[in-house]
């Protein structure tokens, strides 16, 4: 097993602190850029590729076919997308 010198250990501490502070804020996919990337007629699978698994999902039957409402939340920010027959019908953002 390789051993680190004291200099090597000291150099790891600042790098670890930077990772702990910087990375949590970078992980949210609920942001303006991703909302702007949503396009009418995108499939639900395409949206999930972009935003990840939704925080909440509701399904219902409508006059136009099966409807799904997916919500992605991060703190006070959210993106809500409604799908009809698997394609975007409407999009909404809150908190940004």
PDB file of N, CA and C in Angstrom:
ATOM      1  N   UNK A   1       0.848  -1.180   0.000  1.00  0.00           N
ATOM      2  CA  UNK A   1       0.000   0.000   0.000  1.00  0.00           C
ATOM      3  C   UNK A   1       0.890   1.237   0.000  1.00  0.00           C
ATOM      4  N   UNK A   2       0.661   2.175  -0.941  1.00  0.00           N
ATOM      5  CA  UNK A   2       1.532   3.352  -0.999  1.00  0.00           C
ATOM      6  C   UNK A   2       1.338   4.243   0.213  1.00  0.00           C
ATOM      7  N   UNK A   3       2.417   4.883   0.597  1.00  0.00           N
ATOM      8  CA  UNK A   3       2.374   5.799   1.738  1.00  0.00           C
ATOM      9  C   UNK A   3       2.538   7.212   1.229  1.00  0.00           C
ATOM     10  N   UNK A   4       1.797   8.120   1.836  1.00  0.00           N
ATOM     11  CA  UNK A   4       1.927   9.529   1.511  1.00  0.00           C
ATOM     12  C   UNK A   4       2.878  10.172   2.501  1.00  0.00           C
ATOM     13  N   UNK A   5       3.704  11.067   2.003  1.00  0.00           N
ATOM     14  CA  UNK A   5       4.536  11.844   2.912  1.00  0.00           C
ATOM     15  C   UNK A   5       3.645  12.885   3.572  1.00  0.00           C
ATOM     16  N   UNK A   6       4.163  13.537   4.599  1.00  0.00           N
ATOM     17  CA  UNK A   6       3.388  14.592   5.253  1.00  0.00           C
ATOM     18  C   UNK A   6       3.035  15.703   4.268  1.00  0.00           C
ATOM     19  N   UNK A   7       3.922  15.982   3.329  1.00  0.00           N
ATOM     20  CA  UNK A   7       3.658  17.016   2.329  1.00  0.00           C
ATOM     21  C   UNK A   7       2.479  16.586   1.453  1.00  0.00           C
ATOM     22  N   UNK A   8       2.446  15.326   1.078  1.00  0.00           N
ATOM     23  CA  UNK A   8       1.342  14.813   0.265  1.00  0.00           C
ATOM     24  C   UNK A   8       0.015  14.885   0.999  1.00  0.00           C
ATOM     25  N   UNK A   9       0.025  14.562   2.280  1.00  0.00           N
ATOM     26  CA  UNK A   9      -1.200  14.638   3.081  1.00  0.00           C
ATOM     27  C   UNK A   9      -1.680  16.077   3.209  1.00  0.00           C
ATOM     28  N   UNK A  10      -0.766  16.999   3.421  1.00  0.00           N
ATOM     29  CA  UNK A  10      -1.121  18.407   3.565  1.00  0.00           C
ATOM     30  C   UNK A  10      -1.705  18.939   2.254  1.00  0.00           C
ATOM     31  N   UNK A  11      -1.193  18.481   1.130  1.00  0.00           N
ATOM     32  CA  UNK A  11      -1.697  18.940  -0.164  1.00  0.00           C
ATOM     33  C   UNK A  11      -3.112  18.417  -0.420  1.00  0.00           C
ATOM     34  N   UNK A  12      -3.481  17.276   0.138  1.00  0.00           N
ATOM     35  CA  UNK A  12      -4.809  16.714  -0.064  1.00  0.00           C
ATOM     36  C   UNK A  12      -5.896  17.481   0.688  1.00  0.00           C
ATOM     37  N   UNK A  13      -5.543  18.084   1.817  1.00  0.00           N
ATOM     38  CA  UNK A  13      -6.535  18.776   2.636  1.00  0.00           C
ATOM     39  C   UNK A  13      -7.198  19.930   1.868  1.00  0.00           C
ATOM     40  N   UNK A  14      -6.450  20.858   1.264  1.00  0.00           N
ATOM     41  CA  UNK A  14      -7.128  21.937   0.515  1.00  0.00           C
ATOM     42  C   UNK A  14      -7.970  21.394  -0.644  1.00  0.00           C
ATOM     43  N   UNK A  15      -7.491  20.375  -1.325  1.00  0.00           N
ATOM     44  CA  UNK A  15      -8.259  19.803  -2.437  1.00  0.00           C
ATOM     45  C   UNK A  15      -9.567  19.212  -1.933  1.00  0.00           C
ATOM     46  N   UNK A  16      -9.551  18.544  -0.800  1.00  0.00           N
ATOM     47  CA  UNK A  16     -10.769  17.966  -0.230  1.00  0.00           C
ATOM     48  C   UNK A  16     -11.746  19.058   0.182  1.00  0.00           C
ATOM     49  N   UNK A  17     -11.248  20.134   0.748  1.00  0.00           N
ATOM     50  CA  UNK A  17     -12.120  21.245   1.164  1.00  0.00           C
ATOM     51  C   UNK A  17     -12.783  21.880  -0.055  1.00  0.00           C
ATOM     52  N   UNK A  18     -12.039  22.087  -1.122  1.00  0.00           N
ATOM     53  CA  UNK A  18     -12.603  22.663  -2.346  1.00  0.00           C
ATOM     54  C   UNK A  18     -13.716  21.769  -2.881  1.00  0.00           C
ATOM     55  N   UNK A  19     -13.507  20.479  -2.901  1.00  0.00           N
ATOM     56  CA  UNK A  19     -14.527  19.549  -3.392  1.00  0.00           C
ATOM     57  C   UNK A  19     -15.782  19.592  -2.525  1.00  0.00           C
ATOM     58  N   UNK A  20     -15.628  19.636  -1.216  1.00  0.00           N
ATOM     59  CA  UNK A  20     -16.778  19.641  -0.322  1.00  0.00           C
ATOM     60  C   UNK A  20     -17.589  20.929  -0.452  1.00  0.00           C
ATOM     61  N   UNK A  21     -16.917  22.049  -0.684  1.00  0.00           N
ATOM     62  CA  UNK A  21     -17.607  23.333  -0.763  1.00  0.00           C
ATOM     63  C   UNK A  21     -18.195  23.553  -2.158  1.00  0.00           C
ATOM     64  N   UNK A  22     -17.463  23.232  -3.192  1.00  0.00           N
ATOM     65  CA  UNK A  22     -17.874  23.573  -4.552  1.00  0.00           C
ATOM     66  C   UNK A  22     -18.874  22.600  -5.158  1.00  0.00           C
ATOM     67  N   UNK A  23     -18.753  21.337  -4.907  1.00  0.00           N
ATOM     68  CA  UNK A  23     -19.567  20.358  -5.611  1.00  0.00           C
ATOM     69  C   UNK A  23     -21.043  20.334  -5.246  1.00  0.00           C
ATOM     70  N   UNK A  24     -21.463  20.500  -3.997  1.00  0.00           N
ATOM     71  CA  UNK A  24     -22.898  20.413  -3.726  1.00  0.00           C
ATOM     72  C   UNK A  24     -23.740  21.414  -4.502  1.00  0.00           C
ATOM     73  N   UNK A  25     -23.282  22.613  -4.701  1.00  0.00           N
ATOM     74  CA  UNK A  25     -24.045  23.606  -5.448  1.00  0.00           C
ATOM     75  C   UNK A  25     -24.068  23.359  -6.938  1.00  0.00           C
ATOM     76  N   UNK A  26     -23.153  22.569  -7.437  1.00  0.00           N
ATOM     77  CA  UNK A  26     -23.066  22.315  -8.871  1.00  0.00           C
ATOM     78  C   UNK A  26     -23.969  21.178  -9.313  1.00  0.00           C
ATOM     79  N   UNK A  27     -24.494  20.407  -8.380  1.00  0.00           N
ATOM     80  CA  UNK A  27     -25.220  19.209  -8.741  1.00  0.00           C
ATOM     81  C   UNK A  27     -26.668  19.408  -9.123  1.00  0.00           C
ATOM     82  N   UNK A  28     -27.256  20.564  -8.873  1.00  0.00           N
ATOM     83  CA  UNK A  28     -28.676  20.752  -9.146  1.00  0.00           C
ATOM     84  C   UNK A  28     -28.933  20.870 -10.645  1.00  0.00           C
ATOM     85  N   UNK A  29     -29.890  20.091 -11.110  1.00  0.00           N
ATOM     86  CA  UNK A  29     -30.295  20.183 -12.511  1.00  0.00           C
ATOM     87  C   UNK A  29     -31.513  21.090 -12.660  1.00  0.00           C
ATOM     88  N   UNK A  30     -32.025  21.592 -11.529  1.00  0.00           N
ATOM     89  CA  UNK A  30     -33.164  22.515 -11.548  1.00  0.00           C
ATOM     90  C   UNK A  30     -32.592  23.920 -11.675  1.00  0.00           C
ATOM     91  N   UNK A  31     -32.351  24.336 -12.923  1.00  0.00           N
ATOM     92  CA  UNK A  31     -31.749  25.640 -13.166  1.00  0.00           C
ATOM     93  C   UNK A  31     -32.254  26.229 -14.482  1.00  0.00           C
ATOM     94  N   UNK A  32     -31.957  27.487 -14.711  1.00  0.00           N
ATOM     95  CA  UNK A  32     -32.434  28.206 -15.894  1.00  0.00           C
ATOM     96  C   UNK A  32     -31.936  27.574 -17.188  1.00  0.00           C
ATOM     97  N   UNK A  33     -30.681  27.166 -17.228  1.00  0.00           N
ATOM     98  CA  UNK A  33     -30.132  26.578 -18.454  1.00  0.00           C
ATOM     99  C   UNK A  33     -30.887  25.316 -18.862  1.00  0.00           C
ATOM    100  N   UNK A  34     -31.174  24.453 -17.889  1.00  0.00           N
ATOM    101  CA  UNK A  34     -31.902  23.227 -18.211  1.00  0.00           C
ATOM    102  C   UNK A  34     -33.355  23.524 -18.561  1.00  0.00           C
ATOM    103  N   UNK A  35     -33.965  24.494 -17.896  1.00  0.00           N
ATOM    104  CA  UNK A  35     -35.327  24.873 -18.261  1.00  0.00           C
ATOM    105  C   UNK A  35     -35.361  25.391 -19.705  1.00  0.00           C
ATOM    106  N   UNK A  36     -34.382  26.216 -20.063  1.00  0.00           N
ATOM    107  CA  UNK A  36     -34.316  26.768 -21.423  1.00  0.00           C
ATOM    108  C   UNK A  36     -34.087  25.675 -22.472  1.00  0.00           C
ATOM    109  N   UNK A  37     -33.482  24.568 -22.059  1.00  0.00           N
ATOM    110  CA  UNK A  37     -33.222  23.462 -22.992  1.00  0.00           C
ATOM    111  C   UNK A  37     -34.477  22.648 -23.306  1.00  0.00           C
ATOM    112  N   UNK A  38     -35.529  22.815 -22.492  1.00  0.00           N
ATOM    113  CA  UNK A  38     -36.780  22.096 -22.750  1.00  0.00           C
ATOM    114  C   UNK A  38     -37.452  22.677 -23.981  1.00  0.00           C
ATOM    115  N   UNK A  39     -37.885  21.806 -24.864  1.00  0.00           N
ATOM    116  CA  UNK A  39     -38.526  22.239 -26.100  1.00  0.00           C
ATOM    117  C   UNK A  39     -39.878  21.555 -26.247  1.00  0.00           C
ATOM    118  N   UNK A  40     -40.868  22.282 -26.789  1.00  0.00           N
ATOM    119  CA  UNK A  40     -42.171  21.654 -27.033  1.00  0.00           C
ATOM    120  C   UNK A  40     -41.997  20.379 -27.853  1.00  0.00           C
ATOM    121  N   UNK A  41     -42.784  19.401 -27.542  1.00  0.00           N
ATOM    122  CA  UNK A  41     -42.806  18.122 -28.246  1.00  0.00           C
ATOM    123  C   UNK A  41     -41.651  17.185 -27.852  1.00  0.00           C
ATOM    124  N   UNK A  42     -40.794  17.583 -26.883  1.00  0.00           N
ATOM    125  CA  UNK A  42     -39.782  16.637 -26.382  1.00  0.00           C
ATOM    126  C   UNK A  42     -40.493  15.486 -25.691  1.00  0.00           C
ATOM    127  N   UNK A  43     -39.886  14.319 -25.706  1.00  0.00           N
ATOM    128  CA  UNK A  43     -40.477  13.177 -25.022  1.00  0.00           C
ATOM    129  C   UNK A  43     -40.153  13.231 -23.533  1.00  0.00           C
ATOM    130  N   UNK A  44     -40.937  12.491 -22.753  1.00  0.00           N
ATOM    131  CA  UNK A  44     -40.680  12.413 -21.318  1.00  0.00           C
ATOM    132  C   UNK A  44     -39.303  11.802 -21.067  1.00  0.00           C
ATOM    133  N   UNK A  45     -38.918  10.823 -21.871  1.00  0.00           N
ATOM    134  CA  UNK A  45     -37.592  10.199 -21.722  1.00  0.00           C
ATOM    135  C   UNK A  45     -36.472  11.218 -21.956  1.00  0.00           C
ATOM    136  N   UNK A  46     -36.651  12.100 -22.946  1.00  0.00           N
ATOM    137  CA  UNK A  46     -35.641  13.141 -23.216  1.00  0.00           C
ATOM    138  C   UNK A  46     -35.518  14.098 -22.033  1.00  0.00           C
ATOM    139  N   UNK A  47     -36.652  14.467 -21.441  1.00  0.00           N
ATOM    140  CA  UNK A  47     -36.646  15.392 -20.306  1.00  0.00           C
ATOM    141  C   UNK A  47     -35.977  14.730 -19.098  1.00  0.00           C
ATOM    142  N   UNK A  48     -36.255  13.462 -18.875  1.00  0.00           N
ATOM    143  CA  UNK A  48     -35.632  12.750 -17.751  1.00  0.00           C
ATOM    144  C   UNK A  48     -34.126  12.625 -17.963  1.00  0.00           C
ATOM    145  N   UNK A  49     -33.687  12.463 -19.200  1.00  0.00           N
ATOM    146  CA  UNK A  49     -32.237  12.457 -19.486  1.00  0.00           C
ATOM    147  C   UNK A  49     -31.609  13.783 -19.082  1.00  0.00           C
ATOM    148  N   UNK A  50     -32.338  14.876 -19.331  1.00  0.00           N
ATOM    149  CA  UNK A  50     -31.829  16.222 -19.036  1.00  0.00           C
ATOM    150  C   UNK A  50     -31.878  16.543 -17.551  1.00  0.00           C
ATOM    151  N   UNK A  51     -33.013  16.264 -16.900  1.00  0.00           N
ATOM    152  CA  UNK A  51     -33.236  16.700 -15.517  1.00  0.00           C
ATOM    153  C   UNK A  51     -33.066  15.597 -14.472  1.00  0.00           C
ATOM    154  N   UNK A  52     -32.997  14.355 -14.900  1.00  0.00           N
ATOM    155  CA  UNK A  52     -32.919  13.249 -13.950  1.00  0.00           C
ATOM    156  C   UNK A  52     -34.316  12.800 -13.531  1.00  0.00           C
ATOM    157  N   UNK A  53     -34.364  11.916 -12.565  1.00  0.00           N
ATOM    158  CA  UNK A  53     -35.640  11.373 -12.090  1.00  0.00           C
ATOM    159  C   UNK A  53     -36.450  12.483 -11.408  1.00  0.00           C
ATOM    160  N   UNK A  54     -37.746  12.602 -11.747  1.00  0.00           N
ATOM    161  CA  UNK A  54     -38.553  13.649 -11.120  1.00  0.00           C
ATOM    162  C   UNK A  54     -38.736  13.433  -9.623  1.00  0.00           C
ATOM    163  N   UNK A  55     -38.924  14.538  -8.904  1.00  0.00           N
ATOM    164  CA  UNK A  55     -39.197  14.492  -7.474  1.00  0.00           C
ATOM    165  C   UNK A  55     -40.596  13.947  -7.222  1.00  0.00           C
ATOM    166  N   UNK A  56     -41.541  14.310  -8.092  1.00  0.00           N
ATOM    167  CA  UNK A  56     -42.931  13.857  -7.962  1.00  0.00           C
ATOM    168  C   UNK A  56     -43.520  13.659  -9.355  1.00  0.00           C
ATOM    169  N   UNK A  57     -44.453  12.707  -9.458  1.00  0.00           N
ATOM    170  CA  UNK A  57     -45.131  12.416 -10.722  1.00  0.00           C
ATOM    171  C   UNK A  57     -46.604  12.155 -10.447  1.00  0.00           C
ATOM    172  N   UNK A  58     -47.476  12.758 -11.277  1.00  0.00           N
ATOM    173  CA  UNK A  58     -48.917  12.501 -11.220  1.00  0.00           C
ATOM    174  C   UNK A  58     -49.350  12.063 -12.615  1.00  0.00           C
ATOM    175  N   UNK A  59     -50.256  11.095 -12.688  1.00  0.00           N
ATOM    176  CA  UNK A  59     -50.788  10.668 -13.977  1.00  0.00           C
ATOM    177  C   UNK A  59     -52.315  10.742 -13.946  1.00  0.00           C
ATOM    178  N   UNK A  60     -52.888  10.994 -15.120  1.00  0.00           N
ATOM    179  CA  UNK A  60     -54.346  11.041 -15.233  1.00  0.00           C
ATOM    180  C   UNK A  60     -54.738  10.776 -16.682  1.00  0.00           C
ATOM    181  N   UNK A  61     -56.022  10.550 -16.871  1.00  0.00           N
ATOM    182  CA  UNK A  61     -56.570  10.389 -18.221  1.00  0.00           C
ATOM    183  C   UNK A  61     -57.234  11.705 -18.600  1.00  0.00           C
ATOM    184  N   UNK A  62     -56.941  12.189 -19.801  1.00  0.00           N
ATOM    185  CA  UNK A  62     -57.547  13.419 -20.270  1.00  0.00           C
ATOM    186  C   UNK A  62     -58.210  13.213 -21.610  1.00  0.00           C
ATOM    187  N   UNK A  63     -58.858  14.242 -22.105  1.00  0.00           N
ATOM    188  CA  UNK A  63     -59.516  14.157 -23.403  1.00  0.00           C
ATOM    189  C   UNK A  63     -58.512  13.919 -24.531  1.00  0.00           C
ATOM    190  N   UNK A  64     -57.280  14.417 -24.336  1.00  0.00           N
ATOM    191  CA  UNK A  64     -56.259  14.278 -25.366  1.00  0.00           C
ATOM    192  C   UNK A  64     -55.434  13.005 -25.205  1.00  0.00           C
ATOM    193  N   UNK A  65     -55.709  12.220 -24.175  1.00  0.00           N
ATOM    194  CA  UNK A  65     -54.954  10.988 -23.940  1.00  0.00           C
ATOM    195  C   UNK A  65     -54.360  10.974 -22.545  1.00  0.00           C
ATOM    196  N   UNK A  66     -53.489  10.031 -22.300  1.00  0.00           N
ATOM    197  CA  UNK A  66     -52.837   9.914 -20.997  1.00  0.00           C
ATOM    198  C   UNK A  66     -52.000  11.156 -20.716  1.00  0.00           C
ATOM    199  N   UNK A  67     -52.141  11.700 -19.502  1.00  0.00           N
ATOM    200  CA  UNK A  67     -51.402  12.898 -19.103  1.00  0.00           C
ATOM    201  C   UNK A  67     -50.504  12.561 -17.920  1.00  0.00           C
ATOM    202  N   UNK A  68     -49.316  13.139 -17.927  1.00  0.00           N
ATOM    203  CA  UNK A  68     -48.365  12.983 -16.825  1.00  0.00           C
ATOM    204  C   UNK A  68     -47.850  14.362 -16.455  1.00  0.00           C
ATOM    205  N   UNK A  69     -47.735  14.594 -15.158  1.00  0.00           N
ATOM    206  CA  UNK A  69     -47.176  15.860 -14.648  1.00  0.00           C
ATOM    207  C   UNK A  69     -45.978  15.484 -13.786  1.00  0.00           C
ATOM    208  N   UNK A  70     -44.782  15.874 -14.232  1.00  0.00           N
ATOM    209  CA  UNK A  70     -43.550  15.608 -13.496  1.00  0.00           C
ATOM    210  C   UNK A  70     -43.043  16.901 -12.880  1.00  0.00           C
ATOM    211  N   UNK A  71     -42.535  16.816 -11.649  1.00  0.00           N
ATOM    212  CA  UNK A  71     -41.998  17.979 -10.947  1.00  0.00           C
ATOM    213  C   UNK A  71     -40.593  17.649 -10.463  1.00  0.00           C
ATOM    214  N   UNK A  72     -39.681  18.571 -10.704  1.00  0.00           N
ATOM    215  CA  UNK A  72     -38.309  18.488 -10.193  1.00  0.00           C
ATOM    216  C   UNK A  72     -38.137  19.641  -9.227  1.00  0.00           C
ATOM    217  N   UNK A  73     -37.692  19.360  -7.991  1.00  0.00           N
ATOM    218  CA  UNK A  73     -37.529  20.404  -6.976  1.00  0.00           C
ATOM    219  C   UNK A  73     -36.106  20.421  -6.438  1.00  0.00           C
ATOM    220  N   UNK A  74     -35.678  21.623  -6.104  1.00  0.00           N
ATOM    221  CA  UNK A  74     -34.413  21.831  -5.396  1.00  0.00           C
ATOM    222  C   UNK A  74     -34.594  23.071  -4.531  1.00  0.00           C
ATOM    223  N   UNK A  75     -34.855  22.847  -3.253  1.00  0.00           N
ATOM    224  CA  UNK A  75     -35.123  23.968  -2.346  1.00  0.00           C
ATOM    225  C   UNK A  75     -36.383  24.696  -2.773  1.00  0.00           C
ATOM    226  N   UNK A  76     -36.272  26.017  -3.004  1.00  0.00           N
ATOM    227  CA  UNK A  76     -37.439  26.799  -3.414  1.00  0.00           C
ATOM    228  C   UNK A  76     -37.593  26.869  -4.932  1.00  0.00           C
ATOM    229  N   UNK A  77     -36.729  26.192  -5.670  1.00  0.00           N
ATOM    230  CA  UNK A  77     -36.802  26.180  -7.132  1.00  0.00           C
ATOM    231  C   UNK A  77     -37.501  24.900  -7.597  1.00  0.00           C
ATOM    232  N   UNK A  78     -38.284  25.028  -8.654  1.00  0.00           N
ATOM    233  CA  UNK A  78     -38.912  23.840  -9.223  1.00  0.00           C
ATOM    234  C   UNK A  78     -39.155  24.011 -10.717  1.00  0.00           C
ATOM    235  N   UNK A  79     -39.188  22.890 -11.409  1.00  0.00           N
ATOM    236  CA  UNK A  79     -39.572  22.822 -12.811  1.00  0.00           C
ATOM    237  C   UNK A  79     -40.702  21.808 -12.890  1.00  0.00           C
ATOM    238  N   UNK A  80     -41.817  22.224 -13.499  1.00  0.00           N
ATOM    239  CA  UNK A  80     -42.970  21.346 -13.683  1.00  0.00           C
ATOM    240  C   UNK A  80     -43.204  21.192 -15.178  1.00  0.00           C
ATOM    241  N   UNK A  81     -43.331  19.950 -15.619  1.00  0.00           N
ATOM    242  CA  UNK A  81     -43.567  19.668 -17.034  1.00  0.00           C
ATOM    243  C   UNK A  81     -44.772  18.750 -17.142  1.00  0.00           C
ATOM    244  N   UNK A  82     -45.728  19.131 -17.998  1.00  0.00           N
ATOM    245  CA  UNK A  82     -46.890  18.292 -18.264  1.00  0.00           C
ATOM    246  C   UNK A  82     -46.725  17.645 -19.639  1.00  0.00           C
ATOM    247  N   UNK A  83     -47.036  16.347 -19.694  1.00  0.00           N
ATOM    248  CA  UNK A  83     -46.916  15.578 -20.927  1.00  0.00           C
ATOM    249  C   UNK A  83     -48.284  15.028 -21.317  1.00  0.00           C
ATOM    250  N   UNK A  84     -48.553  15.001 -22.612  1.00  0.00           N
ATOM    251  CA  UNK A  84     -49.717  14.302 -23.146  1.00  0.00           C
ATOM    252  C   UNK A  84     -49.193  13.289 -24.149  1.00  0.00           C
ATOM    253  N   UNK A  85     -49.591  12.053 -23.956  1.00  0.00           N
ATOM    254  CA  UNK A  85     -49.134  10.962 -24.808  1.00  0.00           C
ATOM    255  C   UNK A  85     -47.598  10.939 -24.906  1.00  0.00           C
ATOM    256  N   UNK A  86     -46.931  11.228 -23.763  1.00  0.00           N
ATOM    257  CA  UNK A  86     -45.477  11.123 -23.688  1.00  0.00           C
ATOM    258  C   UNK A  86     -44.690  12.294 -24.222  1.00  0.00           C
ATOM    259  N   UNK A  87     -45.366  13.386 -24.635  1.00  0.00           N
ATOM    260  CA  UNK A  87     -44.666  14.557 -25.174  1.00  0.00           C
ATOM    261  C   UNK A  87     -45.055  15.815 -24.400  1.00  0.00           C
ATOM    262  N   UNK A  88     -44.121  16.790 -24.333  1.00  0.00           N
ATOM    263  CA  UNK A  88     -44.359  18.014 -23.561  1.00  0.00           C
ATOM    264  C   UNK A  88     -45.584  18.755 -24.082  1.00  0.00           C
ATOM    265  N   UNK A  89     -46.464  19.097 -23.156  1.00  0.00           N
ATOM    266  CA  UNK A  89     -47.607  19.959 -23.441  1.00  0.00           C
ATOM    267  C   UNK A  89     -47.354  21.352 -22.872  1.00  0.00           C
ATOM    268  N   UNK A  90     -46.831  21.412 -21.616  1.00  0.00           N
ATOM    269  CA  UNK A  90     -46.551  22.706 -20.978  1.00  0.00           C
ATOM    270  C   UNK A  90     -45.385  22.576 -20.015  1.00  0.00           C
ATOM    271  N   UNK A  91     -44.761  23.728 -19.714  1.00  0.00           N
ATOM    272  CA  UNK A  91     -43.610  23.782 -18.813  1.00  0.00           C
ATOM    273  C   UNK A  91     -43.756  25.007 -17.923  1.00  0.00           C
ATOM    274  N   UNK A  92     -43.291  24.890 -16.681  1.00  0.00           N
ATOM    275  CA  UNK A  92     -43.347  26.009 -15.744  1.00  0.00           C
ATOM    276  C   UNK A  92     -42.122  25.962 -14.845  1.00  0.00           C
ATOM    277  N   UNK A  93     -41.607  27.141 -14.501  1.00  0.00           N
ATOM    278  CA  UNK A  93     -40.499  27.231 -13.550  1.00  0.00           C
ATOM    279  C   UNK A  93     -40.924  28.138 -12.412  1.00  0.00           C
ATOM    280  N   UNK A  94     -40.399  27.866 -11.226  1.00  0.00           N
ATOM    281  CA  UNK A  94     -40.687  28.681 -10.042  1.00  0.00           C
ATOM    282  C   UNK A  94     -39.389  28.872  -9.273  1.00  0.00           C
ATOM    283  N   UNK A  95     -39.129  30.091  -8.810  1.00  0.00           N
ATOM    284  CA  UNK A  95     -37.991  30.344  -7.939  1.00  0.00           C
ATOM    285  C   UNK A  95     -36.719  30.780  -8.626  1.00  0.00           C
ATOM    286  N   UNK A  96     -36.736  30.921  -9.945  1.00  0.00           N
ATOM    287  CA  UNK A  96     -35.561  31.414 -10.670  1.00  0.00           C
ATOM    288  C   UNK A  96     -35.986  32.039 -11.975  1.00  0.00           C
TER     289      UNK A  96
END
